[in-house]
Protein backbone atom coordinates (compact mmCIF):
# COMPACT_ATOMS: atom_id res chain seq x y z
CA MET A 1 8.90 28.69 -3.52
CA ALA A 2 7.42 25.30 -4.43
CA ASP A 3 8.21 23.94 -7.89
CA SER A 4 5.45 23.26 -10.41
CA ASP A 5 5.15 19.59 -9.45
CA SER A 6 5.06 20.12 -5.69
CA ILE A 7 1.81 19.75 -3.78
CA ASP A 8 3.06 22.54 -1.46
CA ARG A 9 1.75 20.90 1.72
CA ALA A 10 3.37 20.18 5.06
CA ILE A 11 3.09 16.43 5.67
CA GLY A 12 3.18 14.65 9.03
CA PHE A 13 3.44 10.91 9.62
CA LEU A 14 2.12 9.14 12.71
CA GLY A 15 4.36 6.09 12.55
CA ALA A 16 7.72 5.91 10.79
CA GLY A 17 7.83 2.26 9.72
CA ARG A 18 8.47 0.77 6.30
CA MET A 19 5.24 1.96 4.70
CA ALA A 20 5.75 5.49 6.00
CA GLN A 21 9.33 5.40 4.73
CA ALA A 22 8.21 4.18 1.31
CA LEU A 23 5.49 6.80 0.95
CA ALA A 24 7.54 9.73 2.21
CA GLY A 25 10.57 8.73 0.16
CA GLY A 26 8.37 8.36 -2.91
CA PHE A 27 6.83 11.80 -2.43
CA VAL A 28 10.28 13.37 -2.32
CA SER A 29 11.67 11.32 -5.22
CA ALA A 30 8.72 12.31 -7.39
CA GLY A 31 9.17 15.99 -6.56
CA LEU A 32 5.77 16.27 -4.90
CA SER A 33 7.31 17.39 -1.62
CA SER A 34 10.65 18.49 -0.27
CA ALA A 35 12.14 16.60 2.67
CA ASP A 36 12.05 19.69 4.87
CA ARG A 37 8.25 19.70 4.68
CA ILE A 38 7.96 16.17 6.06
CA ALA A 39 7.95 15.17 9.74
CA ALA A 40 7.26 11.88 11.50
CA SER A 41 6.66 10.58 14.99
CA ASP A 42 7.43 7.09 16.25
CA PRO A 43 8.37 5.67 19.66
CA SER A 44 11.12 3.55 18.05
CA PRO A 45 14.51 5.28 17.62
CA ALA A 46 15.44 2.74 14.94
CA ALA A 47 12.30 3.51 12.95
CA ARG A 48 12.94 7.23 13.22
CA GLU A 49 16.50 6.83 11.99
CA ALA A 50 15.40 4.67 9.07
CA PHE A 51 12.71 7.21 8.17
CA LEU A 52 15.23 10.05 8.05
CA ALA A 53 17.57 7.97 5.92
CA ALA A 54 14.75 7.14 3.48
CA VAL A 55 13.42 10.69 3.15
CA GLY A 56 16.64 12.68 3.14
CA ARG A 57 18.17 15.75 4.67
CA GLY A 58 15.68 18.25 6.04
CA ALA A 59 13.09 15.77 7.25
CA THR A 60 12.48 15.50 10.98
CA ALA A 61 11.45 12.60 13.22
CA SER A 62 10.66 12.62 16.93
CA GLU A 63 8.78 10.61 19.52
CA PRO A 64 5.71 12.72 20.44
CA PRO A 65 2.88 12.72 17.85
CA SER A 66 2.25 16.41 18.39
CA ALA A 67 5.63 17.28 16.90
CA ALA A 68 4.76 15.64 13.58
CA VAL A 69 1.21 16.96 13.41
CA ALA A 70 1.75 20.58 14.47
CA GLY A 71 1.60 22.70 11.34
CA ALA A 72 0.92 19.73 9.04
CA ASP A 73 -1.76 20.11 6.37
CA LEU A 74 -1.78 16.39 5.61
CA VAL A 75 -1.32 13.74 8.32
CA LEU A 76 -0.70 10.12 7.34
CA LEU A 77 -1.68 7.58 9.96
CA ALA A 78 0.80 4.74 9.37
CA VAL A 79 0.57 2.59 12.51
CA LYS A 80 -0.70 -0.94 13.08
CA PRO A 81 -4.49 -1.14 13.51
CA ALA A 82 -4.18 -1.97 17.21
CA TYR A 83 -2.37 1.34 17.85
CA VAL A 84 -4.67 3.69 15.92
CA ARG A 85 -6.55 5.02 18.95
CA GLU A 86 -3.32 5.44 20.91
CA ALA A 87 -1.74 7.39 18.03
CA VAL A 88 -4.69 9.68 17.33
CA ALA A 89 -5.79 10.47 20.89
CA PRO A 90 -2.89 12.83 21.71
CA ILE A 91 -3.49 15.00 18.64
CA ALA A 92 -7.31 15.01 18.50
CA GLU A 93 -7.74 17.94 20.87
CA ARG A 94 -5.69 20.27 18.67
CA TRP A 95 -6.90 18.92 15.35
CA ASP A 96 -7.94 21.65 12.90
CA ALA A 97 -10.93 20.19 11.06
CA GLN A 98 -10.99 23.16 8.66
CA LYS A 99 -7.39 22.78 7.56
CA GLN A 100 -6.04 19.29 8.21
CA LEU A 101 -6.64 16.04 6.34
CA LEU A 102 -6.10 12.61 7.92
CA VAL A 103 -5.00 9.85 5.54
CA SER A 104 -5.03 6.41 7.12
CA VAL A 105 -3.15 3.36 5.85
CA ALA A 106 -4.20 1.23 8.85
CA ALA A 107 -5.67 -2.00 7.46
CA GLY A 108 -9.29 -2.68 8.34
CA VAL A 109 -9.87 0.53 10.32
CA THR A 110 -13.01 2.13 8.91
CA ILE A 111 -13.58 5.76 8.06
CA PRO A 112 -16.44 6.20 10.60
CA SER A 113 -14.23 4.86 13.39
CA LEU A 114 -11.47 7.29 12.41
CA GLU A 115 -13.89 10.22 12.17
CA ALA A 116 -15.16 9.37 15.65
CA LEU A 117 -11.66 9.90 17.06
CA LEU A 118 -11.41 13.44 15.66
CA PRO A 119 -13.45 16.64 16.04
CA SER A 120 -16.73 16.92 14.14
CA GLY A 121 -16.26 17.68 10.46
CA ALA A 122 -12.76 16.21 10.20
CA ALA A 123 -11.77 15.15 6.69
CA VAL A 124 -10.56 11.55 6.46
CA VAL A 125 -9.31 9.47 3.55
CA ARG A 126 -8.69 5.76 4.01
CA VAL A 127 -5.97 4.16 1.88
CA MET A 128 -4.98 0.56 1.18
CA PRO A 129 -1.46 0.55 -0.25
CA ASN A 130 0.88 -2.44 -0.53
CA THR A 131 4.55 -3.07 0.09
CA PRO A 132 5.77 -2.67 -3.52
CA CYS A 133 5.31 1.05 -2.79
CA LEU A 134 8.84 0.63 -1.43
CA ILE A 135 10.14 0.46 -5.01
CA GLY A 136 7.55 2.71 -6.67
CA GLN A 137 5.44 -0.22 -7.89
CA GLY A 138 2.55 -0.06 -5.45
CA ALA A 139 -1.11 -0.85 -6.12
CA SER A 140 -3.29 1.37 -3.95
CA CYS A 141 -6.95 2.27 -3.61
CA TYR A 142 -8.43 5.02 -1.47
CA ALA A 143 -11.83 6.18 -0.27
CA ARG A 144 -13.01 9.57 0.97
CA GLY A 145 -14.93 10.13 4.17
CA ARG A 146 -18.06 12.28 4.46
CA HIS A 147 -16.14 15.51 4.91
CA ALA A 148 -13.25 14.96 2.49
CA THR A 149 -13.63 17.00 -0.70
CA PRO A 150 -13.03 15.78 -4.26
CA GLU A 151 -9.96 18.04 -4.30
CA GLN A 152 -8.59 16.31 -1.21
CA GLY A 153 -9.26 12.95 -2.85
CA ALA A 154 -7.38 14.07 -5.95
CA LEU A 155 -4.47 15.18 -3.77
CA VAL A 156 -4.26 11.75 -2.15
CA GLY A 157 -4.46 10.10 -5.57
CA ARG A 158 -1.58 12.24 -6.79
CA LEU A 159 0.55 11.34 -3.79
CA LEU A 160 -0.16 7.62 -4.12
CA GLY A 161 0.51 7.84 -7.84
CA ALA A 162 4.08 8.83 -6.95
CA VAL A 163 4.69 5.31 -5.63
CA GLY A 164 2.69 3.26 -8.13
CA TYR A 165 -0.89 2.75 -9.30
CA ALA A 166 -3.73 4.51 -7.44
CA ARG A 167 -7.50 4.54 -7.85
CA GLU A 168 -10.40 5.96 -5.83
CA THR A 169 -13.11 3.48 -4.81
CA PRO A 170 -16.04 3.33 -2.39
CA GLU A 171 -14.95 2.33 1.10
CA SER A 172 -17.09 -0.80 0.79
CA LEU A 173 -14.48 -2.20 -1.64
CA LEU A 174 -11.42 -1.61 0.51
CA ASP A 175 -11.61 -4.89 2.41
CA ALA A 176 -11.52 -6.71 -0.94
CA VAL A 177 -8.66 -4.46 -2.05
CA THR A 178 -6.86 -5.49 1.14
CA GLY A 179 -7.43 -9.16 0.31
CA LEU A 180 -6.19 -8.80 -3.26
CA SER A 181 -3.48 -6.15 -3.57
CA GLY A 182 -2.73 -5.63 0.12
CA SER A 183 -2.05 -9.30 0.85
CA GLY A 184 -1.38 -10.28 -2.76
CA PRO A 185 2.37 -9.65 -2.77
CA ALA A 186 2.81 -12.40 -0.18
CA PHE A 187 0.84 -14.79 -2.38
CA VAL A 188 2.99 -13.89 -5.38
CA TYR A 189 6.20 -14.36 -3.38
CA THR A 190 4.97 -17.85 -2.54
CA ILE A 191 4.34 -18.53 -6.22
CA ILE A 192 7.82 -17.29 -7.15
CA GLU A 193 9.38 -19.46 -4.47
CA ALA A 194 7.43 -22.49 -5.67
CA LEU A 195 8.38 -21.89 -9.32
CA ALA A 196 12.03 -21.62 -8.30
CA ASP A 197 11.78 -24.85 -6.29
CA GLY A 198 10.29 -26.52 -9.35
CA GLY A 199 13.25 -25.34 -11.40
CA VAL A 200 15.66 -26.74 -8.83
CA ARG A 201 13.80 -30.05 -8.85
CA ALA A 202 14.17 -30.11 -12.65
CA GLY A 203 17.93 -29.57 -12.34
CA LEU A 204 18.52 -25.81 -12.40
CA PRO A 205 21.00 -24.16 -10.01
CA ARG A 206 19.19 -22.37 -7.16
CA ASP A 207 20.31 -18.84 -8.10
CA LEU A 208 19.36 -19.28 -11.76
CA ALA A 209 15.99 -20.79 -10.85
CA ALA A 210 15.21 -17.88 -8.51
CA GLU A 211 16.13 -15.26 -11.12
CA LEU A 212 14.13 -16.99 -13.84
CA ALA A 213 11.09 -17.37 -11.59
CA ALA A 214 11.08 -13.71 -10.53
CA GLN A 215 11.61 -12.41 -14.06
CA THR A 216 8.97 -14.75 -15.46
CA VAL A 217 6.38 -13.37 -13.04
CA ALA A 218 7.47 -9.78 -13.71
CA GLY A 219 7.38 -10.30 -17.47
CA ALA A 220 4.00 -12.00 -17.43
CA ALA A 221 2.54 -9.15 -15.32
CA ALA A 222 3.98 -6.58 -17.73
CA MET A 223 2.39 -8.45 -20.66
CA VAL A 224 -1.02 -8.27 -18.99
CA GLN A 225 -0.63 -4.54 -18.36
CA SER A 226 0.79 -3.58 -21.74
CA SER A 227 -1.22 -5.82 -24.08
CA GLY A 228 -4.73 -5.07 -22.86
CA SER A 229 -5.51 -8.76 -23.39
CA HIS A 230 -7.33 -10.95 -20.88
CA PRO A 231 -4.91 -13.17 -18.94
CA ALA A 232 -6.69 -16.23 -20.37
CA GLU A 233 -5.88 -15.08 -23.92
CA LEU A 234 -2.21 -14.67 -23.06
CA ARG A 235 -2.19 -18.06 -21.33
CA ASP A 236 -3.76 -19.78 -24.33
CA ALA A 237 -1.18 -18.20 -26.64
CA VAL A 238 1.56 -20.02 -24.70
CA ALA A 239 -0.23 -23.36 -24.46
CA SER A 240 0.26 -25.14 -27.79
CA PRO A 241 -1.57 -28.45 -28.39
CA ALA A 242 0.02 -31.42 -26.62
CA GLY A 243 2.89 -29.19 -25.50
CA THR A 244 4.76 -28.64 -22.28
CA THR A 245 2.65 -25.72 -21.04
CA ILE A 246 -0.71 -27.44 -21.32
CA ALA A 247 0.74 -30.40 -19.43
CA GLY A 248 1.78 -28.06 -16.63
CA LEU A 249 -1.57 -26.24 -16.67
CA ALA A 250 -3.42 -29.52 -16.35
CA THR A 251 -1.39 -30.27 -13.24
CA LEU A 252 -2.21 -26.84 -11.75
CA GLU A 253 -5.90 -27.50 -12.31
CA ARG A 254 -5.69 -30.99 -10.85
CA LEU A 255 -3.98 -29.68 -7.71
CA GLY A 256 -6.42 -26.79 -7.30
CA VAL A 257 -3.98 -23.89 -7.58
CA ARG A 258 -6.57 -21.54 -9.08
CA ALA A 259 -9.11 -22.34 -6.35
CA ALA A 260 -6.45 -21.95 -3.67
CA LEU A 261 -5.58 -18.44 -4.84
CA ILE A 262 -9.25 -17.44 -5.00
CA GLU A 263 -9.77 -18.73 -1.47
CA ALA A 264 -6.61 -16.95 -0.25
CA VAL A 265 -7.93 -13.57 -1.44
CA TRP A 266 -11.32 -14.34 0.11
CA ALA A 267 -9.78 -15.34 3.45
CA ALA A 268 -7.65 -12.19 3.57
CA THR A 269 -10.70 -10.08 2.72
CA GLN A 270 -12.73 -11.63 5.52
CA ARG A 271 -9.91 -11.05 7.98
CA SER A 272 -9.85 -7.37 6.99
CA VAL A 273 -13.59 -7.20 7.69
CA GLU A 274 -13.03 -8.80 11.11
CA LEU A 275 -10.27 -6.32 11.96
CA GLY A 276 -12.55 -3.43 11.04
CA LYS A 277 -15.35 -4.69 13.27
CA ALA A 278 -12.94 -5.12 16.15
CA LYS A 279 -11.82 -1.49 15.89
CA ASP A 280 -15.29 0.11 15.41
């Protein structure tokens, strides 16, 4: 008997890498699924072992895709974009378009291209999560295909909500989501590293500088989320006239940090568009 929080669905993963591990582990930790209702397939023994360790006793992992998909109500496609066709082809012939839902986390691979790999009428939801899902702090958006129902969309939103923030959007926005929240953690890690290096240059020990930089970014993000204020308001509250902060902000503007971040999101977005065109 499923508990009141459980989605009561058998879940299969095509791919057992870090994102699959994060999502499956999050589903179990949140009580949305039990480990014995989760199966994965992956050609890598190391990935399979790591998946089982992340999900817990009762989960299964094997090499052939059919083993993970057979009997699954929800199938998460968690492979690199270049391997999507290879992963889906073996299971397409036995796909039950009336029962099964495909949820893809493959960056840049469009819903129409996924639907074309499956029987007519197949329900597809495309998701763009990010790596902080690994610690339950993800930022994800998802879009429904032509045949995916609002109820199926709500189910995906509930699952993604177990590992962070989740919101439904039109598919046309997912490339921009990829550029911002999908690639964004790497940009933020670069900022944290640079802040720590600045602290070291100013005389701080490396370990203290790294801790202060990480906590400063985490605290500032929490302030934005909890206060409801625009980031510019919060920034201005720190920058007193002729003080240290405004001197630092002037340097950021002079060196083009704001423009660089805007261009980084744009470049990542355009690359997502290119990947999608290559797979269609």
